Amino acid sequence: MPLWDEYRDLIKSDVADIKNSGGRPAGAVTAAMFLKEFTESYPWIHLDIAGTAYSDADLVALPKGPTGVPTGTFIEFVRGRVS
């Protein structure tokens, strides 16, 4: 994700050090900018899973509500990296 300084302006706050949301424009990017503030020099990633975390309608294999899809995806990612 691009973490350009211009995006930092979207999480500036008048009442706090920073906001945890930059709003709809560049939402995933501003979420990553927020996390970056706490990582110091540690390697890190931002997994933007909000889009698949919840369903507003019944699906073929899943009822309406929380899907659990991001959890399974992340587990398979880790399994693929461990040998």
PDB file of N, CA and C in Angstrom:
ATOM      1  N   MET A   1       0.831  -1.181   0.000  1.00  0.00           N
ATOM      2  CA  MET A   1       0.000   0.000   0.000  1.00  0.00           C
ATOM      3  C   MET A   1       0.873   1.241   0.000  1.00  0.00           C
ATOM      4  N   PRO A   2       0.436   2.217  -0.706  1.00  0.00           N
ATOM      5  CA  PRO A   2       1.212   3.463  -0.663  1.00  0.00           C
ATOM      6  C   PRO A   2       1.010   4.156   0.680  1.00  0.00           C
ATOM      7  N   LEU A   3       2.078   4.444   1.356  1.00  0.00           N
ATOM      8  CA  LEU A   3       1.995   5.139   2.637  1.00  0.00           C
ATOM      9  C   LEU A   3       2.649   6.511   2.501  1.00  0.00           C
ATOM     10  N   TRP A   4       2.182   7.251   1.523  1.00  0.00           N
ATOM     11  CA  TRP A   4       2.731   8.569   1.266  1.00  0.00           C
ATOM     12  C   TRP A   4       2.318   9.548   2.355  1.00  0.00           C
ATOM     13  N   ASP A   5       3.162  10.528   2.613  1.00  0.00           N
ATOM     14  CA  ASP A   5       2.916  11.512   3.665  1.00  0.00           C
ATOM     15  C   ASP A   5       1.588  12.247   3.492  1.00  0.00           C
ATOM     16  N   GLU A   6       1.122  12.409   2.267  1.00  0.00           N
ATOM     17  CA  GLU A   6      -0.140  13.109   2.033  1.00  0.00           C
ATOM     18  C   GLU A   6      -1.311  12.423   2.737  1.00  0.00           C
ATOM     19  N   TYR A   7      -1.247  11.111   2.858  1.00  0.00           N
ATOM     20  CA  TYR A   7      -2.321  10.368   3.521  1.00  0.00           C
ATOM     21  C   TYR A   7      -2.345  10.633   5.029  1.00  0.00           C
ATOM     22  N   ARG A   8      -1.219  10.996   5.586  1.00  0.00           N
ATOM     23  CA  ARG A   8      -1.134  11.280   7.026  1.00  0.00           C
ATOM     24  C   ARG A   8      -2.075  12.415   7.404  1.00  0.00           C
ATOM     25  N   ASP A   9      -2.267  13.370   6.486  1.00  0.00           N
ATOM     26  CA  ASP A   9      -3.174  14.485   6.745  1.00  0.00           C
ATOM     27  C   ASP A   9      -4.600  14.016   7.026  1.00  0.00           C
ATOM     28  N   LEU A  10      -5.009  12.882   6.440  1.00  0.00           N
ATOM     29  CA  LEU A  10      -6.366  12.376   6.626  1.00  0.00           C
ATOM     30  C   LEU A  10      -6.616  11.836   8.030  1.00  0.00           C
ATOM     31  N   ILE A  11      -5.551  11.526   8.785  1.00  0.00           N
ATOM     32  CA  ILE A  11      -5.755  11.013  10.143  1.00  0.00           C
ATOM     33  C   ILE A  11      -5.354  12.035  11.208  1.00  0.00           C
ATOM     34  N   LYS A  12      -5.122  13.271  10.795  1.00  0.00           N
ATOM     35  CA  LYS A  12      -4.863  14.322  11.773  1.00  0.00           C
ATOM     36  C   LYS A  12      -6.138  14.594  12.564  1.00  0.00           C
ATOM     37  N   SER A  13      -5.960  14.988  13.819  1.00  0.00           N
ATOM     38  CA  SER A  13      -7.105  15.238  14.686  1.00  0.00           C
ATOM     39  C   SER A  13      -6.939  16.547  15.442  1.00  0.00           C
ATOM     40  N   ASP A  14      -8.055  17.205  15.709  1.00  0.00           N
ATOM     41  CA  ASP A  14      -8.041  18.418  16.527  1.00  0.00           C
ATOM     42  C   ASP A  14      -8.077  18.104  18.019  1.00  0.00           C
ATOM     43  N   VAL A  15      -8.482  16.884  18.375  1.00  0.00           N
ATOM     44  CA  VAL A  15      -8.660  16.545  19.788  1.00  0.00           C
ATOM     45  C   VAL A  15      -7.784  15.387  20.273  1.00  0.00           C
ATOM     46  N   ALA A  16      -7.073  14.733  19.372  1.00  0.00           N
ATOM     47  CA  ALA A  16      -6.229  13.591  19.746  1.00  0.00           C
ATOM     48  C   ALA A  16      -4.927  13.662  18.955  1.00  0.00           C
ATOM     49  N   ASP A  17      -3.994  12.788  19.294  1.00  0.00           N
ATOM     50  CA  ASP A  17      -2.743  12.736  18.543  1.00  0.00           C
ATOM     51  C   ASP A  17      -3.006  12.406  17.070  1.00  0.00           C
ATOM     52  N   ILE A  18      -3.851  11.378  16.841  1.00  0.00           N
ATOM     53  CA  ILE A  18      -4.274  10.987  15.494  1.00  0.00           C
ATOM     54  C   ILE A  18      -5.656  10.351  15.582  1.00  0.00           C
ATOM     55  N   LYS A  19      -6.364  10.291  14.438  1.00  0.00           N
ATOM     56  CA  LYS A  19      -7.653   9.591  14.359  1.00  0.00           C
ATOM     57  C   LYS A  19      -7.395   8.169  13.865  1.00  0.00           C
ATOM     58  N   ASN A  20      -8.268   7.243  14.255  1.00  0.00           N
ATOM     59  CA  ASN A  20      -8.100   5.870  13.773  1.00  0.00           C
ATOM     60  C   ASN A  20      -8.829   5.625  12.464  1.00  0.00           C
ATOM     61  N   SER A  21      -9.401   6.671  11.873  1.00  0.00           N
ATOM     62  CA  SER A  21     -10.065   6.535  10.585  1.00  0.00           C
ATOM     63  C   SER A  21      -9.896   7.824   9.792  1.00  0.00           C
ATOM     64  N   GLY A  22      -9.549   7.658   8.544  1.00  0.00           N
ATOM     65  CA  GLY A  22      -9.429   8.813   7.663  1.00  0.00           C
ATOM     66  C   GLY A  22     -10.680   9.032   6.841  1.00  0.00           C
ATOM     67  N   GLY A  23     -11.725   8.253   7.114  1.00  0.00           N
ATOM     68  CA  GLY A  23     -12.961   8.362   6.352  1.00  0.00           C
ATOM     69  C   GLY A  23     -12.934   7.467   5.125  1.00  0.00           C
ATOM     70  N   ARG A  24     -13.939   7.606   4.282  1.00  0.00           N
ATOM     71  CA  ARG A  24     -14.058   6.736   3.108  1.00  0.00           C
ATOM     72  C   ARG A  24     -12.949   6.898   2.085  1.00  0.00           C
ATOM     73  N   PRO A  25     -12.445   8.109   1.841  1.00  0.00           N
ATOM     74  CA  PRO A  25     -11.365   8.193   0.856  1.00  0.00           C
ATOM     75  C   PRO A  25     -10.113   7.467   1.350  1.00  0.00           C
ATOM     76  N   ALA A  26      -9.653   6.522   0.587  1.00  0.00           N
ATOM     77  CA  ALA A  26      -8.426   5.783   0.920  1.00  0.00           C
ATOM     78  C   ALA A  26      -8.512   5.120   2.293  1.00  0.00           C
ATOM     79  N   GLY A  27      -9.645   4.524   2.619  1.00  0.00           N
ATOM     80  CA  GLY A  27      -9.873   3.919   3.931  1.00  0.00           C
ATOM     81  C   GLY A  27      -8.833   2.888   4.340  1.00  0.00           C
ATOM     82  N   ALA A  28      -8.499   1.969   3.446  1.00  0.00           N
ATOM     83  CA  ALA A  28      -7.497   0.953   3.769  1.00  0.00           C
ATOM     84  C   ALA A  28      -6.124   1.579   3.951  1.00  0.00           C
ATOM     85  N   VAL A  29      -5.831   2.589   3.146  1.00  0.00           N
ATOM     86  CA  VAL A  29      -4.534   3.251   3.237  1.00  0.00           C
ATOM     87  C   VAL A  29      -4.424   4.037   4.538  1.00  0.00           C
ATOM     88  N   THR A  30      -5.485   4.766   4.903  1.00  0.00           N
ATOM     89  CA  THR A  30      -5.409   5.526   6.151  1.00  0.00           C
ATOM     90  C   THR A  30      -5.401   4.603   7.363  1.00  0.00           C
ATOM     91  N   ALA A  31      -6.031   3.446   7.260  1.00  0.00           N
ATOM     92  CA  ALA A  31      -5.940   2.461   8.350  1.00  0.00           C
ATOM     93  C   ALA A  31      -4.499   1.986   8.497  1.00  0.00           C
ATOM     94  N   ALA A  32      -3.841   1.756   7.388  1.00  0.00           N
ATOM     95  CA  ALA A  32      -2.431   1.361   7.427  1.00  0.00           C
ATOM     96  C   ALA A  32      -1.567   2.490   7.987  1.00  0.00           C
ATOM     97  N   MET A  33      -1.884   3.727   7.624  1.00  0.00           N
ATOM     98  CA  MET A  33      -1.135   4.874   8.172  1.00  0.00           C
ATOM     99  C   MET A  33      -1.290   4.943   9.690  1.00  0.00           C
ATOM    100  N   PHE A  34      -2.490   4.658  10.183  1.00  0.00           N
ATOM    101  CA  PHE A  34      -2.737   4.644  11.618  1.00  0.00           C
ATOM    102  C   PHE A  34      -1.872   3.579  12.294  1.00  0.00           C
ATOM    103  N   LEU A  35      -1.869   2.373  11.742  1.00  0.00           N
ATOM    104  CA  LEU A  35      -1.065   1.288  12.322  1.00  0.00           C
ATOM    105  C   LEU A  35       0.421   1.597  12.287  1.00  0.00           C
ATOM    106  N   LYS A  36       0.857   2.237  11.225  1.00  0.00           N
ATOM    107  CA  LYS A  36       2.271   2.582  11.063  1.00  0.00           C
ATOM    108  C   LYS A  36       2.781   3.414  12.243  1.00  0.00           C
ATOM    109  N   GLU A  37       1.906   4.214  12.826  1.00  0.00           N
ATOM    110  CA  GLU A  37       2.293   5.065  13.953  1.00  0.00           C
ATOM    111  C   GLU A  37       2.764   4.262  15.168  1.00  0.00           C
ATOM    112  N   PHE A  38       2.408   2.989  15.244  1.00  0.00           N
ATOM    113  CA  PHE A  38       2.716   2.162  16.412  1.00  0.00           C
ATOM    114  C   PHE A  38       3.737   1.066  16.150  1.00  0.00           C
ATOM    115  N   THR A  39       4.284   0.994  14.951  1.00  0.00           N
ATOM    116  CA  THR A  39       5.156  -0.125  14.597  1.00  0.00           C
ATOM    117  C   THR A  39       6.635   0.127  14.807  1.00  0.00           C
ATOM    118  N   GLU A  40       7.005   1.385  14.954  1.00  0.00           N
ATOM    119  CA  GLU A  40       8.416   1.767  15.061  1.00  0.00           C
ATOM    120  C   GLU A  40       9.178   1.155  13.899  1.00  0.00           C
ATOM    121  N   SER A  41      10.182   0.333  14.155  1.00  0.00           N
ATOM    122  CA  SER A  41      10.959  -0.245  13.051  1.00  0.00           C
ATOM    123  C   SER A  41      10.628  -1.720  12.824  1.00  0.00           C
ATOM    124  N   TYR A  42       9.557  -2.220  13.461  1.00  0.00           N
ATOM    125  CA  TYR A  42       9.195  -3.631  13.315  1.00  0.00           C
ATOM    126  C   TYR A  42       8.528  -3.869  11.960  1.00  0.00           C
ATOM    127  N   PRO A  43       8.807  -5.008  11.333  1.00  0.00           N
ATOM    128  CA  PRO A  43       8.087  -5.338  10.098  1.00  0.00           C
ATOM    129  C   PRO A  43       6.616  -5.603  10.431  1.00  0.00           C
ATOM    130  N   TRP A  44       5.716  -5.172   9.568  1.00  0.00           N
ATOM    131  CA  TRP A  44       4.293  -5.329   9.837  1.00  0.00           C
ATOM    132  C   TRP A  44       3.518  -5.351   8.528  1.00  0.00           C
ATOM    133  N   ILE A  45       2.268  -5.797   8.607  1.00  0.00           N
ATOM    134  CA  ILE A  45       1.378  -5.761   7.448  1.00  0.00           C
ATOM    135  C   ILE A  45       0.000  -5.310   7.920  1.00  0.00           C
ATOM    136  N   HIS A  46      -0.763  -4.778   7.003  1.00  0.00           N
ATOM    137  CA  HIS A  46      -2.156  -4.434   7.271  1.00  0.00           C
ATOM    138  C   HIS A  46      -3.017  -5.319   6.386  1.00  0.00           C
ATOM    139  N   LEU A  47      -3.847  -6.157   6.996  1.00  0.00           N
ATOM    140  CA  LEU A  47      -4.762  -7.002   6.244  1.00  0.00           C
ATOM    141  C   LEU A  47      -6.124  -6.323   6.224  1.00  0.00           C
ATOM    142  N   ASP A  48      -6.539  -5.861   5.081  1.00  0.00           N
ATOM    143  CA  ASP A  48      -7.836  -5.195   4.968  1.00  0.00           C
ATOM    144  C   ASP A  48      -8.891  -6.256   4.693  1.00  0.00           C
ATOM    145  N   ILE A  49      -9.528  -6.755   5.748  1.00  0.00           N
ATOM    146  CA  ILE A  49     -10.463  -7.875   5.633  1.00  0.00           C
ATOM    147  C   ILE A  49     -11.923  -7.459   5.822  1.00  0.00           C
ATOM    148  N   ALA A  50     -12.173  -6.183   5.990  1.00  0.00           N
ATOM    149  CA  ALA A  50     -13.527  -5.734   6.305  1.00  0.00           C
ATOM    150  C   ALA A  50     -14.547  -6.117   5.236  1.00  0.00           C
ATOM    151  N   GLY A  51     -14.161  -6.077   3.983  1.00  0.00           N
ATOM    152  CA  GLY A  51     -15.105  -6.351   2.904  1.00  0.00           C
ATOM    153  C   GLY A  51     -15.662  -7.757   2.893  1.00  0.00           C
ATOM    154  N   THR A  52     -14.925  -8.715   3.401  1.00  0.00           N
ATOM    155  CA  THR A  52     -15.384 -10.107   3.394  1.00  0.00           C
ATOM    156  C   THR A  52     -15.765 -10.617   4.782  1.00  0.00           C
ATOM    157  N   ALA A  53     -15.688  -9.787   5.790  1.00  0.00           N
ATOM    158  CA  ALA A  53     -15.913 -10.223   7.173  1.00  0.00           C
ATOM    159  C   ALA A  53     -17.381 -10.387   7.521  1.00  0.00           C
ATOM    160  N   TYR A  54     -18.281  -9.767   6.772  1.00  0.00           N
ATOM    161  CA  TYR A  54     -19.698  -9.767   7.121  1.00  0.00           C
ATOM    162  C   TYR A  54     -20.541  -9.785   5.846  1.00  0.00           C
ATOM    163  N   SER A  55     -21.625 -10.543   5.881  1.00  0.00           N
ATOM    164  CA  SER A  55     -22.530 -10.590   4.733  1.00  0.00           C
ATOM    165  C   SER A  55     -23.902 -10.078   5.156  1.00  0.00           C
ATOM    166  N   ASP A  56     -24.493  -9.210   4.352  1.00  0.00           N
ATOM    167  CA  ASP A  56     -25.827  -8.679   4.626  1.00  0.00           C
ATOM    168  C   ASP A  56     -26.939  -9.610   4.162  1.00  0.00           C
ATOM    169  N   ALA A  57     -26.567 -10.685   3.457  1.00  0.00           N
ATOM    170  CA  ALA A  57     -27.570 -11.618   2.935  1.00  0.00           C
ATOM    171  C   ALA A  57     -27.091 -13.050   3.111  1.00  0.00           C
ATOM    172  N   ASP A  58     -28.035 -13.988   3.115  1.00  0.00           N
ATOM    173  CA  ASP A  58     -27.672 -15.400   3.139  1.00  0.00           C
ATOM    174  C   ASP A  58     -26.927 -15.748   1.855  1.00  0.00           C
ATOM    175  N   LEU A  59     -25.832 -16.495   1.995  1.00  0.00           N
ATOM    176  CA  LEU A  59     -25.067 -16.968   0.853  1.00  0.00           C
ATOM    177  C   LEU A  59     -25.290 -18.463   0.715  1.00  0.00           C
ATOM    178  N   VAL A  60     -24.773 -19.060  -0.339  1.00  0.00           N
ATOM    179  CA  VAL A  60     -24.987 -20.487  -0.578  1.00  0.00           C
ATOM    180  C   VAL A  60     -24.538 -21.327   0.618  1.00  0.00           C
ATOM    181  N   ALA A  61     -23.334 -21.073   1.110  1.00  0.00           N
ATOM    182  CA  ALA A  61     -22.794 -21.900   2.192  1.00  0.00           C
ATOM    183  C   ALA A  61     -22.727 -21.180   3.538  1.00  0.00           C
ATOM    184  N   LEU A  62     -23.120 -19.917   3.577  1.00  0.00           N
ATOM    185  CA  LEU A  62     -23.005 -19.135   4.809  1.00  0.00           C
ATOM    186  C   LEU A  62     -24.284 -18.353   5.078  1.00  0.00           C
ATOM    187  N   PRO A  63     -24.756 -18.371   6.318  1.00  0.00           N
ATOM    188  CA  PRO A  63     -25.918 -17.535   6.640  1.00  0.00           C
ATOM    189  C   PRO A  63     -25.525 -16.067   6.754  1.00  0.00           C
ATOM    190  N   LYS A  64     -26.506 -15.206   6.717  1.00  0.00           N
ATOM    191  CA  LYS A  64     -26.294 -13.770   6.899  1.00  0.00           C
ATOM    192  C   LYS A  64     -25.567 -13.525   8.218  1.00  0.00           C
ATOM    193  N   GLY A  65     -24.617 -12.575   8.194  1.00  0.00           N
ATOM    194  CA  GLY A  65     -23.884 -12.218   9.414  1.00  0.00           C
ATOM    195  C   GLY A  65     -22.387 -12.380   9.227  1.00  0.00           C
ATOM    196  N   PRO A  66     -21.659 -12.563  10.330  1.00  0.00           N
ATOM    197  CA  PRO A  66     -20.204 -12.732  10.239  1.00  0.00           C
ATOM    198  C   PRO A  66     -19.861 -13.972   9.413  1.00  0.00           C
ATOM    199  N   THR A  67     -18.876 -13.850   8.532  1.00  0.00           N
ATOM    200  CA  THR A  67     -18.561 -14.950   7.624  1.00  0.00           C
ATOM    201  C   THR A  67     -17.412 -15.831   8.090  1.00  0.00           C
ATOM    202  N   GLY A  68     -16.453 -15.269   8.801  1.00  0.00           N
ATOM    203  CA  GLY A  68     -15.262 -16.032   9.169  1.00  0.00           C
ATOM    204  C   GLY A  68     -14.293 -16.200   8.014  1.00  0.00           C
ATOM    205  N   VAL A  69     -14.641 -15.700   6.823  1.00  0.00           N
ATOM    206  CA  VAL A  69     -13.788 -15.847   5.641  1.00  0.00           C
ATOM    207  C   VAL A  69     -12.373 -15.330   5.887  1.00  0.00           C
ATOM    208  N   PRO A  70     -12.197 -14.157   6.470  1.00  0.00           N
ATOM    209  CA  PRO A  70     -10.829 -13.669   6.668  1.00  0.00           C
ATOM    210  C   PRO A  70      -9.978 -14.604   7.530  1.00  0.00           C
ATOM    211  N   THR A  71     -10.588 -15.265   8.493  1.00  0.00           N
ATOM    212  CA  THR A  71      -9.840 -16.161   9.376  1.00  0.00           C
ATOM    213  C   THR A  71      -9.263 -17.336   8.595  1.00  0.00           C
ATOM    214  N   GLY A  72     -10.090 -17.972   7.796  1.00  0.00           N
ATOM    215  CA  GLY A  72      -9.620 -19.097   6.989  1.00  0.00           C
ATOM    216  C   GLY A  72      -8.561 -18.690   5.985  1.00  0.00           C
ATOM    217  N   THR A  73      -8.731 -17.537   5.391  1.00  0.00           N
ATOM    218  CA  THR A  73      -7.751 -17.022   4.434  1.00  0.00           C
ATOM    219  C   THR A  73      -6.402 -16.812   5.111  1.00  0.00           C
ATOM    220  N   PHE A  74      -6.418 -16.196   6.282  1.00  0.00           N
ATOM    221  CA  PHE A  74      -5.179 -15.933   7.006  1.00  0.00           C
ATOM    222  C   PHE A  74      -4.507 -17.237   7.454  1.00  0.00           C
ATOM    223  N   ILE A  75      -5.280 -18.198   7.922  1.00  0.00           N
ATOM    224  CA  ILE A  75      -4.720 -19.493   8.332  1.00  0.00           C
ATOM    225  C   ILE A  75      -4.036 -20.167   7.150  1.00  0.00           C
ATOM    226  N   GLU A  76      -4.667 -20.163   5.989  1.00  0.00           N
ATOM    227  CA  GLU A  76      -4.064 -20.783   4.803  1.00  0.00           C
ATOM    228  C   GLU A  76      -2.804 -20.041   4.367  1.00  0.00           C
ATOM    229  N   PHE A  77      -2.784 -18.738   4.506  1.00  0.00           N
ATOM    230  CA  PHE A  77      -1.594 -17.959   4.194  1.00  0.00           C
ATOM    231  C   PHE A  77      -0.440 -18.384   5.097  1.00  0.00           C
ATOM    232  N   VAL A  78      -0.688 -18.494   6.390  1.00  0.00           N
ATOM    233  CA  VAL A  78       0.367 -18.886   7.336  1.00  0.00           C
ATOM    234  C   VAL A  78       0.813 -20.319   7.061  1.00  0.00           C
ATOM    235  N   ARG A  79      -0.122 -21.212   6.816  1.00  0.00           N
ATOM    236  CA  ARG A  79       0.237 -22.605   6.507  1.00  0.00           C
ATOM    237  C   ARG A  79       1.147 -22.686   5.283  1.00  0.00           C
ATOM    238  N   GLY A  80       0.888 -21.860   4.297  1.00  0.00           N
ATOM    239  CA  GLY A  80       1.686 -21.863   3.081  1.00  0.00           C
ATOM    240  C   GLY A  80       3.102 -21.328   3.279  1.00  0.00           C
ATOM    241  N   ARG A  81       3.317 -20.574   4.332  1.00  0.00           N
ATOM    242  CA  ARG A  81       4.621 -19.989   4.596  1.00  0.00           C
ATOM    243  C   ARG A  81       5.461 -20.818   5.562  1.00  0.00           C
ATOM    244  N   VAL A  82       4.835 -21.738   6.278  1.00  0.00           N
ATOM    245  CA  VAL A  82       5.540 -22.572   7.255  1.00  0.00           C
ATOM    246  C   VAL A  82       5.882 -23.891   6.585  1.00  0.00           C
ATOM    247  N   SER A  83       7.136 -24.267   6.667  1.00  0.00           N
ATOM    248  CA  SER A  83       7.500 -25.556   6.050  1.00  0.00           C
ATOM    249  C   SER A  83       8.241 -26.434   7.002  1.00  0.00           C
TER     250      SER A  83
END
